[in-house]
PDB file of N, CA and C in Angstrom:
ATOM      1  N   MET A   1     107.031  67.642  89.655  1.00  0.00           N
ATOM      2  CA  MET A   1     108.262  67.299  88.996  1.00  0.00           C
ATOM      3  C   MET A   1     107.989  67.157  87.511  1.00  0.00           C
ATOM      4  N   GLU A   2     108.953  67.545  86.706  1.00  0.00           N
ATOM      5  CA  GLU A   2     108.852  67.386  85.267  1.00  0.00           C
ATOM      6  C   GLU A   2     109.938  66.418  84.822  1.00  0.00           C
ATOM      7  N   ALA A   3     109.571  65.425  84.045  1.00  0.00           N
ATOM      8  CA  ALA A   3     110.525  64.414  83.603  1.00  0.00           C
ATOM      9  C   ALA A   3     110.341  64.170  82.115  1.00  0.00           C
ATOM     10  N   SER A   4     111.455  64.070  81.418  1.00  0.00           N
ATOM     11  CA  SER A   4     111.395  63.755  79.994  1.00  0.00           C
ATOM     12  C   SER A   4     111.365  62.236  79.820  1.00  0.00           C
ATOM     13  N   ILE A   5     111.203  61.810  78.601  1.00  0.00           N
ATOM     14  CA  ILE A   5     111.212  60.384  78.302  1.00  0.00           C
ATOM     15  C   ILE A   5     112.550  59.778  78.697  1.00  0.00           C
ATOM     16  N   VAL A   6     113.638  60.505  78.476  1.00  0.00           N
ATOM     17  CA  VAL A   6     114.977  60.024  78.845  1.00  0.00           C
ATOM     18  C   VAL A   6     115.084  59.887  80.359  1.00  0.00           C
ATOM     19  N   ASP A   7     114.501  60.836  81.101  1.00  0.00           N
ATOM     20  CA  ASP A   7     114.518  60.746  82.563  1.00  0.00           C
ATOM     21  C   ASP A   7     113.778  59.506  83.050  1.00  0.00           C
ATOM     22  N   LEU A   8     112.673  59.175  82.399  1.00  0.00           N
ATOM     23  CA  LEU A   8     111.938  57.978  82.799  1.00  0.00           C
ATOM     24  C   LEU A   8     112.786  56.736  82.626  1.00  0.00           C
ATOM     25  N   ARG A   9     113.624  56.742  81.616  1.00  0.00           N
ATOM     26  CA  ARG A   9     114.452  55.570  81.358  1.00  0.00           C
ATOM     27  C   ARG A   9     115.667  55.512  82.271  1.00  0.00           C
ATOM     28  N   TYR A  10     116.387  56.620  82.396  1.00  0.00           N
ATOM     29  CA  TYR A  10     117.658  56.596  83.107  1.00  0.00           C
ATOM     30  C   TYR A  10     117.583  57.067  84.556  1.00  0.00           C
ATOM     31  N   LYS A  11     116.548  57.776  84.932  1.00  0.00           N
ATOM     32  CA  LYS A  11     116.414  58.288  86.297  1.00  0.00           C
ATOM     33  C   LYS A  11     115.094  57.843  86.916  1.00  0.00           C
ATOM     34  N   SER A  12     114.713  56.609  86.650  1.00  0.00           N
ATOM     35  CA  SER A  12     113.424  56.115  87.132  1.00  0.00           C
ATOM     36  C   SER A  12     113.361  56.095  88.651  1.00  0.00           C
ATOM     37  N   LYS A  13     114.491  55.895  89.326  1.00  0.00           N
ATOM     38  CA  LYS A  13     114.494  55.881  90.789  1.00  0.00           C
ATOM     39  C   LYS A  13     114.081  57.247  91.339  1.00  0.00           C
ATOM     40  N   GLU A  14     114.558  58.315  90.707  1.00  0.00           N
ATOM     41  CA  GLU A  14     114.176  59.662  91.147  1.00  0.00           C
ATOM     42  C   GLU A  14     112.691  59.927  90.901  1.00  0.00           C
ATOM     43  N   VAL A  15     112.182  59.440  89.801  1.00  0.00           N
ATOM     44  CA  VAL A  15     110.756  59.607  89.492  1.00  0.00           C
ATOM     45  C   VAL A  15     109.917  58.861  90.525  1.00  0.00           C
ATOM     46  N   LEU A  16     110.334  57.653  90.877  1.00  0.00           N
ATOM     47  CA  LEU A  16     109.592  56.887  91.884  1.00  0.00           C
ATOM     48  C   LEU A  16     109.660  57.547  93.257  1.00  0.00           C
ATOM     49  N   ARG A  17     110.787  58.152  93.580  1.00  0.00           N
ATOM     50  CA  ARG A  17     110.889  58.882  94.857  1.00  0.00           C
ATOM     51  C   ARG A  17     109.937  60.072  94.883  1.00  0.00           C
ATOM     52  N   ALA A  18     109.809  60.758  93.750  1.00  0.00           N
ATOM     53  CA  ALA A  18     108.873  61.882  93.668  1.00  0.00           C
ATOM     54  C   ALA A  18     107.449  61.395  93.875  1.00  0.00           C
ATOM     55  N   LEU A  19     107.123  60.238  93.317  1.00  0.00           N
ATOM     56  CA  LEU A  19     105.784  59.686  93.509  1.00  0.00           C
ATOM     57  C   LEU A  19     105.568  59.276  94.961  1.00  0.00           C
ATOM     58  N   ASP A  20     106.627  58.786  95.630  1.00  0.00           N
ATOM     59  CA  ASP A  20     106.521  58.465  97.057  1.00  0.00           C
ATOM     60  C   ASP A  20     106.228  59.709  97.883  1.00  0.00           C
ATOM     61  N   ARG A  21     106.715  60.870  97.424  1.00  0.00           N
ATOM     62  CA  ARG A  21     106.449  62.135  98.116  1.00  0.00           C
ATOM     63  C   ARG A  21     105.114  62.746  97.699  1.00  0.00           C
ATOM     64  N   ASN A  22     104.295  61.969  96.970  1.00  0.00           N
ATOM     65  CA  ASN A  22     102.982  62.409  96.465  1.00  0.00           C
ATOM     66  C   ASN A  22     103.080  63.595  95.520  1.00  0.00           C
ATOM     67  N   GLU A  23     104.188  63.664  94.765  1.00  0.00           N
ATOM     68  CA  GLU A  23     104.323  64.692  93.745  1.00  0.00           C
ATOM     69  C   GLU A  23     103.731  64.187  92.437  1.00  0.00           C
ATOM     70  N   GLU A  24     103.234  65.090  91.659  1.00  0.00           N
ATOM     71  CA  GLU A  24     102.767  64.757  90.321  1.00  0.00           C
ATOM     72  C   GLU A  24     103.952  64.872  89.374  1.00  0.00           C
ATOM     73  N   VAL A  25     104.109  63.902  88.483  1.00  0.00           N
ATOM     74  CA  VAL A  25     105.211  63.904  87.524  1.00  0.00           C
ATOM     75  C   VAL A  25     104.630  64.186  86.142  1.00  0.00           C
ATOM     76  N   CYS A  26     105.046  65.307  85.546  1.00  0.00           N
ATOM     77  CA  CYS A  26     104.626  65.640  84.190  1.00  0.00           C
ATOM     78  C   CYS A  26     105.646  65.050  83.226  1.00  0.00           C
ATOM     79  N   VAL A  27     105.188  64.242  82.294  1.00  0.00           N
ATOM     80  CA  VAL A  27     106.064  63.605  81.320  1.00  0.00           C
ATOM     81  C   VAL A  27     106.090  64.466  80.069  1.00  0.00           C
ATOM     82  N   THR A  28     107.309  64.832  79.648  1.00  0.00           N
ATOM     83  CA  THR A  28     107.457  65.684  78.474  1.00  0.00           C
ATOM     84  C   THR A  28     108.188  64.943  77.368  1.00  0.00           C
ATOM     85  N   TYR A  29     107.867  65.322  76.144  1.00  0.00           N
ATOM     86  CA  TYR A  29     108.547  64.802  74.974  1.00  0.00           C
ATOM     87  C   TYR A  29     108.809  65.980  74.050  1.00  0.00           C
ATOM     88  N   ARG A  30     110.077  66.240  73.815  1.00  0.00           N
ATOM     89  CA  ARG A  30     110.507  67.389  73.016  1.00  0.00           C
ATOM     90  C   ARG A  30     109.948  68.698  73.562  1.00  0.00           C
ATOM     91  N   GLY A  31     109.916  68.805  74.886  1.00  0.00           N
ATOM     92  CA  GLY A  31     109.496  70.031  75.542  1.00  0.00           C
ATOM     93  C   GLY A  31     108.006  70.217  75.719  1.00  0.00           C
ATOM     94  N   LYS A  32     107.200  69.305  75.194  1.00  0.00           N
ATOM     95  CA  LYS A  32     105.748  69.423  75.326  1.00  0.00           C
ATOM     96  C   LYS A  32     105.237  68.351  76.273  1.00  0.00           C
ATOM     97  N   VAL A  33     104.308  68.726  77.125  1.00  0.00           N
ATOM     98  CA  VAL A  33     103.746  67.783  78.089  1.00  0.00           C
ATOM     99  C   VAL A  33     102.890  66.766  77.350  1.00  0.00           C
ATOM    100  N   LYS A  34     103.203  65.488  77.563  1.00  0.00           N
ATOM    101  CA  LYS A  34     102.463  64.403  76.922  1.00  0.00           C
ATOM    102  C   LYS A  34     101.548  63.673  77.898  1.00  0.00           C
ATOM    103  N   GLY A  35     101.805  63.808  79.183  1.00  0.00           N
ATOM    104  CA  GLY A  35     100.975  63.130  80.164  1.00  0.00           C
ATOM    105  C   GLY A  35     101.460  63.432  81.561  1.00  0.00           C
ATOM    106  N   ARG A  36     100.786  62.840  82.515  1.00  0.00           N
ATOM    107  CA  ARG A  36     101.182  63.026  83.905  1.00  0.00           C
ATOM    108  C   ARG A  36     101.001  61.717  84.652  1.00  0.00           C
ATOM    109  N   ILE A  37     101.840  61.543  85.651  1.00  0.00           N
ATOM    110  CA  ILE A  37     101.778  60.364  86.493  1.00  0.00           C
ATOM    111  C   ILE A  37     101.488  60.850  87.908  1.00  0.00           C
ATOM    112  N   ILE A  38     100.480  60.267  88.537  1.00  0.00           N
ATOM    113  CA  ILE A  38     100.168  60.616  89.916  1.00  0.00           C
ATOM    114  C   ILE A  38     100.309  59.373  90.769  1.00  0.00           C
ATOM    115  N   SER A  39     100.613  59.579  92.042  1.00  0.00           N
ATOM    116  CA  SER A  39     100.809  58.440  92.929  1.00  0.00           C
ATOM    117  C   SER A  39      99.475  57.758  93.228  1.00  0.00           C
ATOM    118  N   GLU A  40      99.560  56.507  93.574  1.00  0.00           N
ATOM    119  CA  GLU A  40      98.368  55.711  93.871  1.00  0.00           C
ATOM    120  C   GLU A  40      97.584  56.315  95.028  1.00  0.00           C
ATOM    121  N   SER A  41      98.281  56.761  96.055  1.00  0.00           N
ATOM    122  CA  SER A  41      97.588  57.310  97.215  1.00  0.00           C
ATOM    123  C   SER A  41      96.888  58.620  96.873  1.00  0.00           C
ATOM    124  N   GLU A  42      97.463  59.396  95.947  1.00  0.00           N
ATOM    125  CA  GLU A  42      96.832  60.657  95.562  1.00  0.00           C
ATOM    126  C   GLU A  42      95.604  60.421  94.698  1.00  0.00           C
ATOM    127  N   SER A  43      95.648  59.388  93.880  1.00  0.00           N
ATOM    128  CA  SER A  43      94.517  59.138  92.988  1.00  0.00           C
ATOM    129  C   SER A  43      93.328  58.538  93.723  1.00  0.00           C
ATOM    130  N   GLY A  44      93.540  58.102  94.945  1.00  0.00           N
ATOM    131  CA  GLY A  44      92.440  57.560  95.741  1.00  0.00           C
ATOM    132  C   GLY A  44      92.260  56.077  95.523  1.00  0.00           C
ATOM    133  N   ALA A  45      91.155  55.576  95.987  1.00  0.00           N
ATOM    134  CA  ALA A  45      90.868  54.148  95.851  1.00  0.00           C
ATOM    135  C   ALA A  45      90.605  53.809  94.398  1.00  0.00           C
ATOM    136  N   LEU A  46      90.748  52.557  94.080  1.00  0.00           N
ATOM    137  CA  LEU A  46      90.493  52.116  92.718  1.00  0.00           C
ATOM    138  C   LEU A  46      89.021  52.309  92.367  1.00  0.00           C
ATOM    139  N   MET A  47      88.787  52.625  91.127  1.00  0.00           N
ATOM    140  CA  MET A  47      87.434  52.853  90.642  1.00  0.00           C
ATOM    141  C   MET A  47      86.697  51.515  90.524  1.00  0.00           C
ATOM    142  N   LYS A  48      85.450  51.509  90.883  1.00  0.00           N
ATOM    143  CA  LYS A  48      84.640  50.313  90.706  1.00  0.00           C
ATOM    144  C   LYS A  48      84.361  50.136  89.216  1.00  0.00           C
ATOM    145  N   ILE A  49      84.228  48.908  88.806  1.00  0.00           N
ATOM    146  CA  ILE A  49      84.027  48.616  87.391  1.00  0.00           C
ATOM    147  C   ILE A  49      82.760  49.296  86.869  1.00  0.00           C
ATOM    148  N   ALA A  50      81.716  49.292  87.638  1.00  0.00           N
ATOM    149  CA  ALA A  50      80.453  49.893  87.192  1.00  0.00           C
ATOM    150  C   ALA A  50      80.565  51.407  87.013  1.00  0.00           C
ATOM    151  N   GLU A  51      81.557  52.047  87.646  1.00  0.00           N
ATOM    152  CA  GLU A  51      81.730  53.492  87.517  1.00  0.00           C
ATOM    153  C   GLU A  51      82.627  53.873  86.344  1.00  0.00           C
ATOM    154  N   HIS A  52      83.271  52.882  85.724  1.00  0.00           N
ATOM    155  CA  HIS A  52      84.177  53.178  84.616  1.00  0.00           C
ATOM    156  C   HIS A  52      83.380  53.656  83.407  1.00  0.00           C
ATOM    157  N   PRO A  53      83.913  54.641  82.655  1.00  0.00           N
ATOM    158  CA  PRO A  53      83.166  55.179  81.515  1.00  0.00           C
ATOM    159  C   PRO A  53      82.846  54.146  80.436  1.00  0.00           C
ATOM    160  N   PHE A  54      83.661  53.101  80.297  1.00  0.00           N
ATOM    161  CA  PHE A  54      83.421  52.099  79.267  1.00  0.00           C
ATOM    162  C   PHE A  54      82.429  51.024  79.690  1.00  0.00           C
ATOM    163  N   PHE A  55      82.031  51.017  80.940  1.00  0.00           N
ATOM    164  CA  PHE A  55      81.110  49.990  81.420  1.00  0.00           C
ATOM    165  C   PHE A  55      79.754  50.179  80.754  1.00  0.00           C
ATOM    166  N   GLY A  56      79.215  49.115  80.206  1.00  0.00           N
ATOM    167  CA  GLY A  56      77.894  49.175  79.593  1.00  0.00           C
ATOM    168  C   GLY A  56      77.876  49.698  78.174  1.00  0.00           C
ATOM    169  N   MET A  57      79.036  49.811  77.535  1.00  0.00           N
ATOM    170  CA  MET A  57      79.063  50.307  76.154  1.00  0.00           C
ATOM    171  C   MET A  57      78.422  49.330  75.188  1.00  0.00           C
ATOM    172  N   ASN A  58      78.467  48.054  75.507  1.00  0.00           N
ATOM    173  CA  ASN A  58      77.890  47.047  74.630  1.00  0.00           C
ATOM    174  C   ASN A  58      76.411  46.895  74.955  1.00  0.00           C
ATOM    175  N   ALA A  59      75.630  47.881  74.558  1.00  0.00           N
ATOM    176  CA  ALA A  59      74.202  47.884  74.876  1.00  0.00           C
ATOM    177  C   ALA A  59      73.403  46.950  73.972  1.00  0.00           C
ATOM    178  N   SER A  60      74.044  46.454  72.896  1.00  0.00           N
ATOM    179  CA  SER A  60      73.317  45.592  71.963  1.00  0.00           C
ATOM    180  C   SER A  60      73.027  44.226  72.562  1.00  0.00           C
ATOM    181  N   GLY A  61      73.795  43.812  73.559  1.00  0.00           N
ATOM    182  CA  GLY A  61      73.578  42.524  74.195  1.00  0.00           C
ATOM    183  C   GLY A  61      74.305  41.383  73.521  1.00  0.00           C
ATOM    184  N   ALA A  62      75.034  41.657  72.439  1.00  0.00           N
ATOM    185  CA  ALA A  62      75.795  40.609  71.753  1.00  0.00           C
ATOM    186  C   ALA A  62      76.984  40.203  72.611  1.00  0.00           C
ATOM    187  N   SER A  63      77.426  38.971  72.423  1.00  0.00           N
ATOM    188  CA  SER A  63      78.565  38.507  73.198  1.00  0.00           C
ATOM    189  C   SER A  63      79.839  39.188  72.704  1.00  0.00           C
ATOM    190  N   VAL A  64      80.835  39.195  73.544  1.00  0.00           N
ATOM    191  CA  VAL A  64      82.105  39.808  73.192  1.00  0.00           C
ATOM    192  C   VAL A  64      82.730  39.074  72.010  1.00  0.00           C
ATOM    193  N   THR A  65      82.638  37.761  72.015  1.00  0.00           N
ATOM    194  CA  THR A  65      83.220  36.968  70.937  1.00  0.00           C
ATOM    195  C   THR A  65      82.588  37.308  69.589  1.00  0.00           C
ATOM    196  N   SER A  66      81.273  37.391  69.541  1.00  0.00           N
ATOM    197  CA  SER A  66      80.621  37.710  68.267  1.00  0.00           C
ATOM    198  C   SER A  66      80.921  39.139  67.829  1.00  0.00           C
ATOM    199  N   THR A  67      81.036  40.057  68.773  1.00  0.00           N
ATOM    200  CA  THR A  67      81.384  41.438  68.439  1.00  0.00           C
ATOM    201  C   THR A  67      82.782  41.508  67.864  1.00  0.00           C
ATOM    202  N   MET A  68      83.733  40.792  68.470  1.00  0.00           N
ATOM    203  CA  MET A  68      85.102  40.790  67.967  1.00  0.00           C
ATOM    204  C   MET A  68      85.185  40.117  66.598  1.00  0.00           C
ATOM    205  N   ASP A  69      84.450  39.046  66.398  1.00  0.00           N
ATOM    206  CA  ASP A  69      84.425  38.398  65.086  1.00  0.00           C
ATOM    207  C   ASP A  69      83.889  39.348  64.019  1.00  0.00           C
ATOM    208  N   GLU A  70      82.899  40.126  64.360  1.00  0.00           N
ATOM    209  CA  GLU A  70      82.327  41.095  63.436  1.00  0.00           C
ATOM    210  C   GLU A  70      83.350  42.182  63.099  1.00  0.00           C
ATOM    211  N   LEU A  71      84.116  42.641  64.085  1.00  0.00           N
ATOM    212  CA  LEU A  71      85.125  43.667  63.852  1.00  0.00           C
ATOM    213  C   LEU A  71      86.302  43.140  63.039  1.00  0.00           C
ATOM    214  N   ARG A  72      86.633  41.873  63.204  1.00  0.00           N
ATOM    215  CA  ARG A  72      87.805  41.289  62.548  1.00  0.00           C
ATOM    216  C   ARG A  72      87.534  40.733  61.157  1.00  0.00           C
ATOM    217  N   LYS A  73      86.294  40.742  60.716  1.00  0.00           N
ATOM    218  CA  LYS A  73      85.988  40.155  59.411  1.00  0.00           C
ATOM    219  C   LYS A  73      86.631  40.996  58.301  1.00  0.00           C
ATOM    220  N   SER A  74      86.755  40.403  57.133  1.00  0.00           N
ATOM    221  CA  SER A  74      87.379  41.093  56.019  1.00  0.00           C
ATOM    222  C   SER A  74      86.470  42.213  55.516  1.00  0.00           C
ATOM    223  N   ARG A  75      87.052  43.125  54.787  1.00  0.00           N
ATOM    224  CA  ARG A  75      86.285  44.261  54.289  1.00  0.00           C
ATOM    225  C   ARG A  75      85.362  43.891  53.141  1.00  0.00           C
ATOM    226  N   TYR A  76      85.731  42.869  52.413  1.00  0.00           N
ATOM    227  CA  TYR A  76      84.981  42.538  51.196  1.00  0.00           C
ATOM    228  C   TYR A  76      84.204  41.279  51.346  1.00  0.00           C
TER     229      TYR A  76
END
């Protein structure tokens, strides 16, 4: 199924019915595909945290709080 942004807003019931039928919904904006929505059953079981691509990115060992403080500090 193909749905525009307007369809997501005004015809959300139809989009949800398509997902119940295990259809993939392509979301379009101004005629170009911006993304896709797949049903939970089609996507399979939830991914384990250790398998997520972002898991282990903080290899430095610093705490999250100190990393965020470092990112939020002023430029000067």
